[in-house]
Amino acid sequence: MRWDVILNLLLLFCIPYILLISTVAAEEWAGADAKAEEAIGEISPQYEPWFSPLFEPPSGEIESFLFSLQAAIGSLLIGYFIGRYRGAKHARNG
């Protein structure tokens, strides 16, 4: 195993995260939807959305849970198909 590659990848992802945490206040961690809505309100105050959400979660915790669940299901599907592809490749090569 190439430990230098793994170490470099960890450094590549961890250092920016650590630097970002030390410079950004907690209240600046708003979601992309909220920031986009705020920017649109500043640019064009008379803007009316085309439609409303079909389902509005009752709290931020439930919204975070649903987002995490969606990410987990997607990861499982991607992992399944990658594993299936690798298994089929191993079976062909004997």
N, C-alpha and C. Protein backbone atom coordinates (compact mmCIF):
# COMPACT_ATOMS: atom_id res chain seq x y z
N MET A 1 0.84 -1.18 0.00
CA MET A 1 0.00 0.00 0.00
C MET A 1 0.89 1.24 0.00
N ARG A 2 0.50 2.24 -0.73
CA ARG A 2 1.28 3.47 -0.85
C ARG A 2 0.86 4.44 0.25
N TRP A 3 1.59 4.41 1.37
CA TRP A 3 1.25 5.26 2.51
C TRP A 3 1.48 6.73 2.23
N ASP A 4 2.43 7.03 1.35
CA ASP A 4 2.68 8.43 1.04
C ASP A 4 1.50 9.04 0.28
N VAL A 5 0.86 8.26 -0.57
CA VAL A 5 -0.32 8.75 -1.30
C VAL A 5 -1.47 8.98 -0.33
N ILE A 6 -1.68 8.03 0.58
CA ILE A 6 -2.76 8.17 1.56
C ILE A 6 -2.51 9.38 2.46
N LEU A 7 -1.28 9.55 2.91
CA LEU A 7 -0.94 10.70 3.75
C LEU A 7 -1.16 12.01 3.01
N ASN A 8 -0.75 12.07 1.74
CA ASN A 8 -0.95 13.29 0.95
C ASN A 8 -2.43 13.59 0.75
N LEU A 9 -3.24 12.56 0.53
CA LEU A 9 -4.68 12.78 0.37
C LEU A 9 -5.29 13.29 1.67
N LEU A 10 -4.89 12.71 2.79
CA LEU A 10 -5.39 13.20 4.07
C LEU A 10 -5.01 14.65 4.29
N LEU A 11 -3.78 14.99 4.00
CA LEU A 11 -3.34 16.38 4.16
C LEU A 11 -4.10 17.30 3.22
N LEU A 12 -4.32 16.83 1.99
CA LEU A 12 -5.02 17.63 0.99
C LEU A 12 -6.43 17.98 1.45
N PHE A 13 -7.10 17.06 2.14
CA PHE A 13 -8.47 17.31 2.56
C PHE A 13 -8.59 17.87 3.97
N CYS A 14 -7.65 17.55 4.83
CA CYS A 14 -7.76 17.97 6.23
C CYS A 14 -7.26 19.40 6.47
N ILE A 15 -6.19 19.79 5.85
CA ILE A 15 -5.62 21.13 6.09
C ILE A 15 -6.60 22.24 5.70
N PRO A 16 -7.20 22.20 4.50
CA PRO A 16 -8.17 23.26 4.18
C PRO A 16 -9.36 23.28 5.15
N TYR A 17 -9.80 22.12 5.59
CA TYR A 17 -10.92 22.05 6.53
C TYR A 17 -10.54 22.70 7.85
N ILE A 18 -9.37 22.40 8.36
CA ILE A 18 -8.91 22.98 9.62
C ILE A 18 -8.76 24.49 9.48
N LEU A 19 -8.20 24.95 8.39
CA LEU A 19 -8.04 26.39 8.17
C LEU A 19 -9.39 27.09 8.03
N LEU A 20 -10.33 26.43 7.38
CA LEU A 20 -11.66 27.00 7.19
C LEU A 20 -12.39 27.12 8.52
N ILE A 21 -12.30 26.11 9.35
CA ILE A 21 -12.98 26.13 10.65
C ILE A 21 -12.45 27.28 11.51
N SER A 22 -11.16 27.54 11.44
CA SER A 22 -10.60 28.59 12.29
C SER A 22 -10.94 29.99 11.81
N THR A 23 -11.37 30.15 10.55
CA THR A 23 -11.63 31.48 10.02
C THR A 23 -13.11 31.80 9.83
N VAL A 24 -13.98 30.80 9.87
CA VAL A 24 -15.39 31.01 9.59
C VAL A 24 -16.20 30.85 10.87
N ALA A 25 -17.07 31.80 11.14
CA ALA A 25 -17.93 31.72 12.31
C ALA A 25 -19.04 30.69 12.09
N ALA A 26 -19.59 30.17 13.15
CA ALA A 26 -20.59 29.11 13.05
C ALA A 26 -21.85 29.58 12.33
N GLU A 27 -22.25 30.82 12.50
CA GLU A 27 -23.48 31.28 11.86
C GLU A 27 -23.35 31.45 10.35
N GLU A 28 -22.15 31.39 9.83
CA GLU A 28 -21.96 31.51 8.40
C GLU A 28 -22.16 30.19 7.67
N TRP A 29 -22.47 29.13 8.39
CA TRP A 29 -22.65 27.81 7.79
C TRP A 29 -24.09 27.61 7.34
N ALA A 30 -24.67 28.60 6.72
CA ALA A 30 -26.05 28.47 6.22
C ALA A 30 -26.04 27.60 4.96
N GLY A 31 -27.19 27.02 4.66
CA GLY A 31 -27.31 26.18 3.48
C GLY A 31 -27.28 26.99 2.19
N ALA A 32 -27.02 26.30 1.10
CA ALA A 32 -26.94 26.95 -0.20
C ALA A 32 -28.30 27.53 -0.60
N ASP A 33 -29.38 26.86 -0.24
CA ASP A 33 -30.71 27.36 -0.59
C ASP A 33 -30.98 28.69 0.09
N ALA A 34 -30.63 28.80 1.37
CA ALA A 34 -30.88 30.04 2.11
C ALA A 34 -30.04 31.18 1.55
N LYS A 35 -28.79 30.89 1.21
CA LYS A 35 -27.94 31.94 0.65
C LYS A 35 -28.44 32.38 -0.73
N ALA A 36 -28.90 31.43 -1.53
CA ALA A 36 -29.42 31.78 -2.85
C ALA A 36 -30.69 32.61 -2.72
N GLU A 37 -31.55 32.23 -1.79
CA GLU A 37 -32.79 33.00 -1.57
C GLU A 37 -32.47 34.42 -1.11
N GLU A 38 -31.49 34.55 -0.26
CA GLU A 38 -31.08 35.88 0.22
C GLU A 38 -30.51 36.72 -0.92
N ALA A 39 -29.68 36.12 -1.77
CA ALA A 39 -29.08 36.84 -2.89
C ALA A 39 -30.15 37.28 -3.89
N ILE A 40 -31.11 36.42 -4.16
CA ILE A 40 -32.19 36.77 -5.09
C ILE A 40 -33.02 37.91 -4.51
N GLY A 41 -33.27 37.88 -3.20
CA GLY A 41 -34.03 38.95 -2.56
C GLY A 41 -33.33 40.29 -2.66
N GLU A 42 -32.00 40.28 -2.60
CA GLU A 42 -31.24 41.53 -2.73
C GLU A 42 -31.24 42.04 -4.17
N ILE A 43 -31.13 41.13 -5.11
CA ILE A 43 -31.05 41.52 -6.52
C ILE A 43 -32.42 41.97 -7.04
N SER A 44 -33.44 41.19 -6.73
CA SER A 44 -34.77 41.48 -7.26
C SER A 44 -35.82 41.26 -6.17
N PRO A 45 -36.13 42.29 -5.38
CA PRO A 45 -37.08 42.12 -4.27
C PRO A 45 -38.49 41.72 -4.70
N GLN A 46 -38.89 42.01 -5.91
CA GLN A 46 -40.24 41.70 -6.36
C GLN A 46 -40.36 40.28 -6.93
N TYR A 47 -39.28 39.49 -6.90
CA TYR A 47 -39.29 38.14 -7.45
C TYR A 47 -40.25 37.23 -6.69
N GLU A 48 -41.06 36.47 -7.42
CA GLU A 48 -41.97 35.49 -6.84
C GLU A 48 -41.53 34.10 -7.31
N PRO A 49 -41.35 33.14 -6.40
CA PRO A 49 -40.96 31.77 -6.80
C PRO A 49 -42.02 31.15 -7.71
N TRP A 50 -41.59 30.27 -8.59
CA TRP A 50 -42.48 29.62 -9.53
C TRP A 50 -43.36 28.58 -8.86
N PHE A 51 -42.83 27.92 -7.83
CA PHE A 51 -43.58 26.88 -7.14
C PHE A 51 -43.11 26.79 -5.69
N SER A 52 -43.85 26.07 -4.89
CA SER A 52 -43.47 25.87 -3.49
C SER A 52 -43.08 24.41 -3.29
N PRO A 53 -42.31 24.10 -2.24
CA PRO A 53 -41.90 22.72 -2.00
C PRO A 53 -43.09 21.80 -1.77
N LEU A 54 -42.95 20.54 -2.21
CA LEU A 54 -44.01 19.57 -1.99
C LEU A 54 -44.07 19.14 -0.53
N PHE A 55 -42.90 19.10 0.13
CA PHE A 55 -42.82 18.68 1.52
C PHE A 55 -41.84 19.59 2.25
N GLU A 56 -42.25 20.15 3.33
CA GLU A 56 -41.40 21.01 4.16
C GLU A 56 -41.19 20.31 5.49
N PRO A 57 -39.95 19.84 5.79
CA PRO A 57 -39.71 19.16 7.07
C PRO A 57 -40.04 20.07 8.24
N PRO A 58 -40.58 19.50 9.33
CA PRO A 58 -40.99 20.31 10.47
C PRO A 58 -39.84 20.96 11.23
N SER A 59 -38.61 20.40 11.11
CA SER A 59 -37.48 21.01 11.82
C SER A 59 -36.19 20.79 11.04
N GLY A 60 -35.17 21.54 11.43
CA GLY A 60 -33.87 21.41 10.78
C GLY A 60 -33.23 20.06 11.01
N GLU A 61 -33.50 19.45 12.17
CA GLU A 61 -32.94 18.13 12.46
C GLU A 61 -33.51 17.08 11.53
N ILE A 62 -34.79 17.15 11.27
CA ILE A 62 -35.41 16.18 10.36
C ILE A 62 -34.90 16.41 8.95
N GLU A 63 -34.74 17.66 8.57
CA GLU A 63 -34.20 17.97 7.25
C GLU A 63 -32.79 17.41 7.10
N SER A 64 -31.95 17.57 8.13
CA SER A 64 -30.60 17.02 8.10
C SER A 64 -30.62 15.51 8.04
N PHE A 65 -31.54 14.89 8.80
CA PHE A 65 -31.67 13.44 8.78
C PHE A 65 -32.04 12.95 7.39
N LEU A 66 -33.01 13.59 6.75
CA LEU A 66 -33.43 13.17 5.41
C LEU A 66 -32.31 13.34 4.40
N PHE A 67 -31.54 14.43 4.53
CA PHE A 67 -30.41 14.64 3.64
C PHE A 67 -29.36 13.54 3.84
N SER A 68 -29.07 13.21 5.11
CA SER A 68 -28.10 12.16 5.40
C SER A 68 -28.59 10.80 4.90
N LEU A 69 -29.87 10.54 5.05
CA LEU A 69 -30.44 9.28 4.57
C LEU A 69 -30.31 9.19 3.05
N GLN A 70 -30.57 10.28 2.37
CA GLN A 70 -30.44 10.32 0.92
C GLN A 70 -29.00 10.05 0.51
N ALA A 71 -28.04 10.67 1.20
CA ALA A 71 -26.62 10.46 0.90
C ALA A 71 -26.22 9.01 1.16
N ALA A 72 -26.72 8.41 2.25
CA ALA A 72 -26.39 7.02 2.57
C ALA A 72 -26.93 6.06 1.52
N ILE A 73 -28.16 6.28 1.09
CA ILE A 73 -28.75 5.41 0.06
C ILE A 73 -27.97 5.54 -1.24
N GLY A 74 -27.62 6.76 -1.62
CA GLY A 74 -26.82 6.95 -2.83
C GLY A 74 -25.47 6.28 -2.73
N SER A 75 -24.82 6.38 -1.57
CA SER A 75 -23.53 5.74 -1.37
C SER A 75 -23.64 4.22 -1.44
N LEU A 76 -24.70 3.68 -0.86
CA LEU A 76 -24.90 2.23 -0.93
C LEU A 76 -25.09 1.77 -2.37
N LEU A 77 -25.86 2.51 -3.14
CA LEU A 77 -26.07 2.14 -4.54
C LEU A 77 -24.77 2.21 -5.34
N ILE A 78 -24.02 3.28 -5.15
CA ILE A 78 -22.75 3.41 -5.86
C ILE A 78 -21.80 2.29 -5.45
N GLY A 79 -21.71 2.01 -4.14
CA GLY A 79 -20.85 0.94 -3.66
C GLY A 79 -21.28 -0.42 -4.20
N TYR A 80 -22.58 -0.66 -4.26
CA TYR A 80 -23.08 -1.93 -4.78
C TYR A 80 -22.66 -2.12 -6.24
N PHE A 81 -22.86 -1.10 -7.06
CA PHE A 81 -22.55 -1.26 -8.47
C PHE A 81 -21.05 -1.33 -8.73
N ILE A 82 -20.25 -0.61 -7.95
CA ILE A 82 -18.80 -0.73 -8.09
C ILE A 82 -18.36 -2.13 -7.67
N GLY A 83 -18.91 -2.64 -6.55
CA GLY A 83 -18.59 -4.00 -6.12
C GLY A 83 -19.03 -5.04 -7.12
N ARG A 84 -20.19 -4.86 -7.69
CA ARG A 84 -20.68 -5.81 -8.69
C ARG A 84 -19.78 -5.81 -9.92
N TYR A 85 -19.36 -4.62 -10.35
CA TYR A 85 -18.47 -4.51 -11.50
C TYR A 85 -17.13 -5.19 -11.22
N ARG A 86 -16.56 -4.93 -10.04
CA ARG A 86 -15.27 -5.54 -9.68
C ARG A 86 -15.40 -7.05 -9.53
N GLY A 87 -16.52 -7.52 -8.97
CA GLY A 87 -16.74 -8.95 -8.84
C GLY A 87 -16.86 -9.64 -10.19
N ALA A 88 -17.56 -9.00 -11.11
CA ALA A 88 -17.70 -9.56 -12.46
C ALA A 88 -16.34 -9.57 -13.17
N LYS A 89 -15.54 -8.56 -12.94
CA LYS A 89 -14.21 -8.49 -13.54
C LYS A 89 -13.32 -9.61 -12.98
N HIS A 90 -13.40 -9.86 -11.67
CA HIS A 90 -12.63 -10.94 -11.04
C HIS A 90 -13.09 -12.30 -11.56
N ALA A 91 -14.39 -12.44 -11.74
CA ALA A 91 -14.93 -13.73 -12.22
C ALA A 91 -14.49 -14.02 -13.66
N ARG A 92 -14.41 -12.98 -14.48
CA ARG A 92 -13.95 -13.16 -15.87
C ARG A 92 -12.48 -13.54 -15.93
N ASN A 93 -11.68 -12.90 -15.06
CA ASN A 93 -10.23 -13.13 -15.09
C ASN A 93 -9.83 -14.41 -14.35
N GLY A 94 -10.74 -14.99 -13.64
CA GLY A 94 -10.49 -16.26 -12.98
C GLY A 94 -9.85 -16.13 -11.70
